Amino acid sequence: MILKLLLVGVVIYIVYTLFFKQKKNHTQKNESKNEPVNELIECPTCGVYVEVEEAILSGGTYYCSPECVDKAS
């Protein structure tokens, strides 16, 4: 009788770990794959907002275009 209860407990534990633990791991992996949102910055010369990746860095300040860099100099 006790052996049957232990066997049922082990089977329930195995089923739980196979189905429910994998779903949690997959959702955690998907959350870590989310791409970061690009940050917008304001050009100090003209006030236009531009993504940091597309901005021009000059003298420690980000600008939206080479024209704004020339105007600031």
PDB file of N, CA and C in Angstrom:
ATOM      1  N   MET A   1       0.825  -1.190   0.000  1.00  0.00           N
ATOM      2  CA  MET A   1       0.000   0.000   0.000  1.00  0.00           C
ATOM      3  C   MET A   1       0.871   1.256   0.000  1.00  0.00           C
ATOM      4  N   ILE A   2       1.890   1.289   0.872  1.00  0.00           N
ATOM      5  CA  ILE A   2       2.783   2.433   0.936  1.00  0.00           C
ATOM      6  C   ILE A   2       3.607   2.532  -0.341  1.00  0.00           C
ATOM      7  N   LEU A   3       3.981   1.389  -0.881  1.00  0.00           N
ATOM      8  CA  LEU A   3       4.738   1.367  -2.123  1.00  0.00           C
ATOM      9  C   LEU A   3       3.926   1.979  -3.264  1.00  0.00           C
ATOM     10  N   LYS A   4       2.632   1.687  -3.313  1.00  0.00           N
ATOM     11  CA  LYS A   4       1.763   2.262  -4.347  1.00  0.00           C
ATOM     12  C   LYS A   4       1.674   3.781  -4.199  1.00  0.00           C
ATOM     13  N   LEU A   5       1.553   4.274  -2.960  1.00  0.00           N
ATOM     14  CA  LEU A   5       1.478   5.709  -2.735  1.00  0.00           C
ATOM     15  C   LEU A   5       2.779   6.409  -3.149  1.00  0.00           C
ATOM     16  N   LEU A   6       3.905   5.789  -2.822  1.00  0.00           N
ATOM     17  CA  LEU A   6       5.186   6.348  -3.229  1.00  0.00           C
ATOM     18  C   LEU A   6       5.316   6.374  -4.744  1.00  0.00           C
ATOM     19  N   LEU A   7       4.895   5.313  -5.397  1.00  0.00           N
ATOM     20  CA  LEU A   7       4.951   5.229  -6.847  1.00  0.00           C
ATOM     21  C   LEU A   7       4.067   6.294  -7.488  1.00  0.00           C
ATOM     22  N   VAL A   8       2.852   6.486  -6.973  1.00  0.00           N
ATOM     23  CA  VAL A   8       1.954   7.518  -7.495  1.00  0.00           C
ATOM     24  C   VAL A   8       2.570   8.897  -7.284  1.00  0.00           C
ATOM     25  N   GLY A   9       3.171   9.126  -6.135  1.00  0.00           N
ATOM     26  CA  GLY A   9       3.822  10.408  -5.855  1.00  0.00           C
ATOM     27  C   GLY A   9       4.968  10.684  -6.813  1.00  0.00           C
ATOM     28  N   VAL A  10       5.768   9.670  -7.088  1.00  0.00           N
ATOM     29  CA  VAL A  10       6.882   9.825  -8.015  1.00  0.00           C
ATOM     30  C   VAL A  10       6.370  10.125  -9.424  1.00  0.00           C
ATOM     31  N   VAL A  11       5.331   9.430  -9.851  1.00  0.00           N
ATOM     32  CA  VAL A  11       4.760   9.664 -11.186  1.00  0.00           C
ATOM     33  C   VAL A  11       4.206  11.078 -11.284  1.00  0.00           C
ATOM     34  N   ILE A  12       3.508  11.537 -10.262  1.00  0.00           N
ATOM     35  CA  ILE A  12       2.961  12.901 -10.266  1.00  0.00           C
ATOM     36  C   ILE A  12       4.099  13.921 -10.327  1.00  0.00           C
ATOM     37  N   TYR A  13       5.156  13.689  -9.585  1.00  0.00           N
ATOM     38  CA  TYR A  13       6.300  14.601  -9.600  1.00  0.00           C
ATOM     39  C   TYR A  13       6.956  14.652 -10.978  1.00  0.00           C
ATOM     40  N   ILE A  14       7.114  13.498 -11.610  1.00  0.00           N
ATOM     41  CA  ILE A  14       7.724  13.452 -12.947  1.00  0.00           C
ATOM     42  C   ILE A  14       6.855  14.182 -13.961  1.00  0.00           C
ATOM     43  N   VAL A  15       5.557  13.954 -13.918  1.00  0.00           N
ATOM     44  CA  VAL A  15       4.645  14.640 -14.842  1.00  0.00           C
ATOM     45  C   VAL A  15       4.705  16.144 -14.607  1.00  0.00           C
ATOM     46  N   TYR A  16       4.736  16.559 -13.352  1.00  0.00           N
ATOM     47  CA  TYR A  16       4.801  17.981 -13.026  1.00  0.00           C
ATOM     48  C   TYR A  16       6.076  18.607 -13.579  1.00  0.00           C
ATOM     49  N   THR A  17       7.213  17.964 -13.368  1.00  0.00           N
ATOM     50  CA  THR A  17       8.477  18.535 -13.827  1.00  0.00           C
ATOM     51  C   THR A  17       8.570  18.552 -15.348  1.00  0.00           C
ATOM     52  N   LEU A  18       8.018  17.541 -16.007  1.00  0.00           N
ATOM     53  CA  LEU A  18       8.094  17.505 -17.469  1.00  0.00           C
ATOM     54  C   LEU A  18       7.242  18.586 -18.117  1.00  0.00           C
ATOM     55  N   PHE A  19       6.032  18.802 -17.634  1.00  0.00           N
ATOM     56  CA  PHE A  19       5.117  19.712 -18.311  1.00  0.00           C
ATOM     57  C   PHE A  19       5.151  21.130 -17.758  1.00  0.00           C
ATOM     58  N   PHE A  20       5.137  21.296 -16.460  1.00  0.00           N
ATOM     59  CA  PHE A  20       5.011  22.627 -15.893  1.00  0.00           C
ATOM     60  C   PHE A  20       6.352  23.345 -15.762  1.00  0.00           C
ATOM     61  N   LYS A  21       7.395  22.662 -15.446  1.00  0.00           N
ATOM     62  CA  LYS A  21       8.714  23.293 -15.329  1.00  0.00           C
ATOM     63  C   LYS A  21       9.219  23.747 -16.697  1.00  0.00           C
ATOM     64  N   GLN A  22       8.960  22.980 -17.752  1.00  0.00           N
ATOM     65  CA  GLN A  22       9.407  23.364 -19.079  1.00  0.00           C
ATOM     66  C   GLN A  22       8.694  24.622 -19.554  1.00  0.00           C
ATOM     67  N   LYS A  23       7.418  24.767 -19.252  1.00  0.00           N
ATOM     68  CA  LYS A  23       6.696  25.965 -19.652  1.00  0.00           C
ATOM     69  C   LYS A  23       7.285  27.195 -18.983  1.00  0.00           C
ATOM     70  N   LYS A  24       7.663  27.107 -17.722  1.00  0.00           N
ATOM     71  CA  LYS A  24       8.268  28.241 -17.032  1.00  0.00           C
ATOM     72  C   LYS A  24       9.609  28.578 -17.649  1.00  0.00           C
ATOM     73  N   ASN A  25      10.394  27.580 -17.995  1.00  0.00           N
ATOM     74  CA  ASN A  25      11.700  27.828 -18.602  1.00  0.00           C
ATOM     75  C   ASN A  25      11.561  28.473 -19.967  1.00  0.00           C
ATOM     76  N   HIS A  26      10.576  28.031 -20.760  1.00  0.00           N
ATOM     77  CA  HIS A  26      10.374  28.608 -22.084  1.00  0.00           C
ATOM     78  C   HIS A  26       9.934  30.056 -21.983  1.00  0.00           C
ATOM     79  N   THR A  27       9.067  30.385 -21.046  1.00  0.00           N
ATOM     80  CA  THR A  27       8.633  31.772 -20.915  1.00  0.00           C
ATOM     81  C   THR A  27       9.778  32.645 -20.436  1.00  0.00           C
ATOM     82  N   GLN A  28      10.655  32.144 -19.581  1.00  0.00           N
ATOM     83  CA  GLN A  28      11.799  32.931 -19.148  1.00  0.00           C
ATOM     84  C   GLN A  28      12.766  33.151 -20.305  1.00  0.00           C
ATOM     85  N   LYS A  29      12.954  32.156 -21.153  1.00  0.00           N
ATOM     86  CA  LYS A  29      13.838  32.312 -22.303  1.00  0.00           C
ATOM     87  C   LYS A  29      13.260  33.319 -23.281  1.00  0.00           C
ATOM     88  N   ASN A  30      11.946  33.291 -23.504  1.00  0.00           N
ATOM     89  CA  ASN A  30      11.329  34.235 -24.423  1.00  0.00           C
ATOM     90  C   ASN A  30      11.415  35.656 -23.895  1.00  0.00           C
ATOM     91  N   GLU A  31      11.289  35.840 -22.592  1.00  0.00           N
ATOM     92  CA  GLU A  31      11.388  37.167 -22.019  1.00  0.00           C
ATOM     93  C   GLU A  31      12.800  37.721 -22.178  1.00  0.00           C
ATOM     94  N   SER A  32      13.795  36.872 -22.079  1.00  0.00           N
ATOM     95  CA  SER A  32      15.160  37.361 -22.201  1.00  0.00           C
ATOM     96  C   SER A  32      15.516  37.672 -23.654  1.00  0.00           C
ATOM     97  N   LYS A  33      14.768  37.171 -24.620  1.00  0.00           N
ATOM     98  CA  LYS A  33      15.039  37.437 -26.024  1.00  0.00           C
ATOM     99  C   LYS A  33      14.432  38.746 -26.507  1.00  0.00           C
ATOM    100  N   ASN A  34      13.632  39.408 -25.690  1.00  0.00           N
ATOM    101  CA  ASN A  34      13.044  40.671 -26.108  1.00  0.00           C
ATOM    102  C   ASN A  34      14.143  41.673 -26.407  1.00  0.00           C
ATOM    103  N   GLU A  35      14.002  42.361 -27.539  1.00  0.00           N
ATOM    104  CA  GLU A  35      14.997  43.345 -27.917  1.00  0.00           C
ATOM    105  C   GLU A  35      14.799  44.615 -27.091  1.00  0.00           C
ATOM    106  N   PRO A  36      15.884  45.256 -26.712  1.00  0.00           N
ATOM    107  CA  PRO A  36      15.743  46.490 -25.937  1.00  0.00           C
ATOM    108  C   PRO A  36      15.141  47.604 -26.785  1.00  0.00           C
ATOM    109  N   VAL A  37      14.409  48.459 -26.145  1.00  0.00           N
ATOM    110  CA  VAL A  37      13.790  49.584 -26.832  1.00  0.00           C
ATOM    111  C   VAL A  37      14.858  50.646 -27.043  1.00  0.00           C
ATOM    112  N   ASN A  38      14.902  51.197 -28.259  1.00  0.00           N
ATOM    113  CA  ASN A  38      15.881  52.237 -28.553  1.00  0.00           C
ATOM    114  C   ASN A  38      15.507  53.520 -27.830  1.00  0.00           C
ATOM    115  N   GLU A  39      16.487  54.133 -27.231  1.00  0.00           N
ATOM    116  CA  GLU A  39      16.267  55.355 -26.468  1.00  0.00           C
ATOM    117  C   GLU A  39      16.271  56.557 -27.416  1.00  0.00           C
ATOM    118  N   LEU A  40      15.333  57.479 -27.216  1.00  0.00           N
ATOM    119  CA  LEU A  40      15.280  58.704 -27.999  1.00  0.00           C
ATOM    120  C   LEU A  40      15.946  59.821 -27.218  1.00  0.00           C
ATOM    121  N   ILE A  41      16.727  60.618 -27.939  1.00  0.00           N
ATOM    122  CA  ILE A  41      17.351  61.783 -27.326  1.00  0.00           C
ATOM    123  C   ILE A  41      17.000  63.014 -28.144  1.00  0.00           C
ATOM    124  N   GLU A  42      17.082  64.180 -27.508  1.00  0.00           N
ATOM    125  CA  GLU A  42      16.749  65.426 -28.191  1.00  0.00           C
ATOM    126  C   GLU A  42      18.026  66.109 -28.659  1.00  0.00           C
ATOM    127  N   CYS A  43      18.013  66.539 -29.904  1.00  0.00           N
ATOM    128  CA  CYS A  43      19.138  67.278 -30.454  1.00  0.00           C
ATOM    129  C   CYS A  43      19.158  68.656 -29.784  1.00  0.00           C
ATOM    130  N   PRO A  44      20.285  69.054 -29.200  1.00  0.00           N
ATOM    131  CA  PRO A  44      20.325  70.342 -28.504  1.00  0.00           C
ATOM    132  C   PRO A  44      20.246  71.546 -29.446  1.00  0.00           C
ATOM    133  N   THR A  45      20.527  71.357 -30.722  1.00  0.00           N
ATOM    134  CA  THR A  45      20.513  72.468 -31.665  1.00  0.00           C
ATOM    135  C   THR A  45      19.115  72.754 -32.199  1.00  0.00           C
ATOM    136  N   CYS A  46      18.429  71.703 -32.698  1.00  0.00           N
ATOM    137  CA  CYS A  46      17.133  71.933 -33.340  1.00  0.00           C
ATOM    138  C   CYS A  46      15.951  71.366 -32.571  1.00  0.00           C
ATOM    139  N   GLY A  47      16.195  70.522 -31.569  1.00  0.00           N
ATOM    140  CA  GLY A  47      15.112  69.987 -30.752  1.00  0.00           C
ATOM    141  C   GLY A  47      14.438  68.745 -31.300  1.00  0.00           C
ATOM    142  N   VAL A  48      14.961  68.197 -32.374  1.00  0.00           N
ATOM    143  CA  VAL A  48      14.392  66.989 -32.977  1.00  0.00           C
ATOM    144  C   VAL A  48      14.819  65.782 -32.148  1.00  0.00           C
ATOM    145  N   TYR A  49      13.893  64.832 -31.952  1.00  0.00           N
ATOM    146  CA  TYR A  49      14.222  63.599 -31.232  1.00  0.00           C
ATOM    147  C   TYR A  49      14.706  62.555 -32.225  1.00  0.00           C
ATOM    148  N   VAL A  50      15.781  61.891 -31.871  1.00  0.00           N
ATOM    149  CA  VAL A  50      16.397  60.887 -32.735  1.00  0.00           C
ATOM    150  C   VAL A  50      16.846  59.716 -31.865  1.00  0.00           C
ATOM    151  N   GLU A  51      16.854  58.514 -32.445  1.00  0.00           N
ATOM    152  CA  GLU A  51      17.329  57.341 -31.719  1.00  0.00           C
ATOM    153  C   GLU A  51      18.836  57.453 -31.505  1.00  0.00           C
ATOM    154  N   VAL A  52      19.295  56.932 -30.381  1.00  0.00           N
ATOM    155  CA  VAL A  52      20.713  57.011 -30.044  1.00  0.00           C
ATOM    156  C   VAL A  52      21.557  56.319 -31.110  1.00  0.00           C
ATOM    157  N   GLU A  53      21.059  55.216 -31.641  1.00  0.00           N
ATOM    158  CA  GLU A  53      21.811  54.479 -32.667  1.00  0.00           C
ATOM    159  C   GLU A  53      22.015  55.291 -33.937  1.00  0.00           C
ATOM    160  N   GLU A  54      21.085  56.192 -34.248  1.00  0.00           N
ATOM    161  CA  GLU A  54      21.173  56.985 -35.472  1.00  0.00           C
ATOM    162  C   GLU A  54      21.786  58.363 -35.241  1.00  0.00           C
ATOM    163  N   ALA A  55      21.981  58.746 -33.998  1.00  0.00           N
ATOM    164  CA  ALA A  55      22.500  60.062 -33.673  1.00  0.00           C
ATOM    165  C   ALA A  55      23.998  60.139 -33.922  1.00  0.00           C
ATOM    166  N   ILE A  56      24.485  61.386 -34.059  1.00  0.00           N
ATOM    167  CA  ILE A  56      25.909  61.640 -34.267  1.00  0.00           C
ATOM    168  C   ILE A  56      26.476  62.162 -32.952  1.00  0.00           C
ATOM    169  N   LEU A  57      27.519  61.521 -32.470  1.00  0.00           N
ATOM    170  CA  LEU A  57      28.149  61.908 -31.211  1.00  0.00           C
ATOM    171  C   LEU A  57      29.332  62.816 -31.508  1.00  0.00           C
ATOM    172  N   SER A  58      29.273  64.014 -30.964  1.00  0.00           N
ATOM    173  CA  SER A  58      30.359  64.967 -31.165  1.00  0.00           C
ATOM    174  C   SER A  58      30.583  65.743 -29.872  1.00  0.00           C
ATOM    175  N   GLY A  59      31.771  65.644 -29.326  1.00  0.00           N
ATOM    176  CA  GLY A  59      32.097  66.365 -28.104  1.00  0.00           C
ATOM    177  C   GLY A  59      31.272  65.925 -26.905  1.00  0.00           C
ATOM    178  N   GLY A  60      30.861  64.679 -26.875  1.00  0.00           N
ATOM    179  CA  GLY A  60      30.083  64.157 -25.758  1.00  0.00           C
ATOM    180  C   GLY A  60      28.603  64.474 -25.842  1.00  0.00           C
ATOM    181  N   THR A  61      28.148  65.073 -26.934  1.00  0.00           N
ATOM    182  CA  THR A  61      26.741  65.426 -27.127  1.00  0.00           C
ATOM    183  C   THR A  61      26.234  64.757 -28.396  1.00  0.00           C
ATOM    184  N   TYR A  62      24.989  64.294 -28.344  1.00  0.00           N
ATOM    185  CA  TYR A  62      24.374  63.662 -29.506  1.00  0.00           C
ATOM    186  C   TYR A  62      23.621  64.704 -30.335  1.00  0.00           C
ATOM    187  N   TYR A  63      23.805  64.628 -31.654  1.00  0.00           N
ATOM    188  CA  TYR A  63      23.120  65.514 -32.594  1.00  0.00           C
ATOM    189  C   TYR A  63      22.378  64.691 -33.623  1.00  0.00           C
ATOM    190  N   CYS A  64      21.373  65.301 -34.258  1.00  0.00           N
ATOM    191  CA  CYS A  64      20.561  64.565 -35.229  1.00  0.00           C
ATOM    192  C   CYS A  64      21.188  64.530 -36.614  1.00  0.00           C
ATOM    193  N   SER A  65      22.013  65.516 -36.947  1.00  0.00           N
ATOM    194  CA  SER A  65      22.592  65.567 -38.298  1.00  0.00           C
ATOM    195  C   SER A  65      23.918  66.307 -38.263  1.00  0.00           C
ATOM    196  N   PRO A  66      24.701  66.160 -39.323  1.00  0.00           N
ATOM    197  CA  PRO A  66      25.974  66.900 -39.386  1.00  0.00           C
ATOM    198  C   PRO A  66      25.769  68.415 -39.415  1.00  0.00           C
ATOM    199  N   GLU A  67      24.657  68.885 -39.979  1.00  0.00           N
ATOM    200  CA  GLU A  67      24.361  70.310 -40.009  1.00  0.00           C
ATOM    201  C   GLU A  67      24.227  70.876 -38.594  1.00  0.00           C
ATOM    202  N   CYS A  68      23.571  70.117 -37.707  1.00  0.00           N
ATOM    203  CA  CYS A  68      23.412  70.566 -36.322  1.00  0.00           C
ATOM    204  C   CYS A  68      24.752  70.570 -35.584  1.00  0.00           C
ATOM    205  N   VAL A  69      25.634  69.634 -35.940  1.00  0.00           N
ATOM    206  CA  VAL A  69      26.966  69.617 -35.335  1.00  0.00           C
ATOM    207  C   VAL A  69      27.716  70.879 -35.753  1.00  0.00           C
ATOM    208  N   ASP A  70      27.618  71.271 -37.045  1.00  0.00           N
ATOM    209  CA  ASP A  70      28.296  72.465 -37.533  1.00  0.00           C
ATOM    210  C   ASP A  70      27.729  73.725 -36.883  1.00  0.00           C
ATOM    211  N   LYS A  71      26.402  73.791 -36.709  1.00  0.00           N
ATOM    212  CA  LYS A  71      25.775  74.962 -36.088  1.00  0.00           C
ATOM    213  C   LYS A  71      26.202  75.112 -34.631  1.00  0.00           C
ATOM    214  N   ALA A  72      26.402  74.004 -33.941  1.00  0.00           N
ATOM    215  CA  ALA A  72      26.755  74.040 -32.522  1.00  0.00           C
ATOM    216  C   ALA A  72      28.217  74.459 -32.324  1.00  0.00           C
ATOM    217  N   SER A  73      29.049  74.258 -33.344  1.00  0.00           N
ATOM    218  CA  SER A  73      30.488  74.560 -33.210  1.00  0.00           C
ATOM    219  C   SER A  73      30.788  76.019 -33.330  1.00  0.00           C
TER     220      SER A  73
END
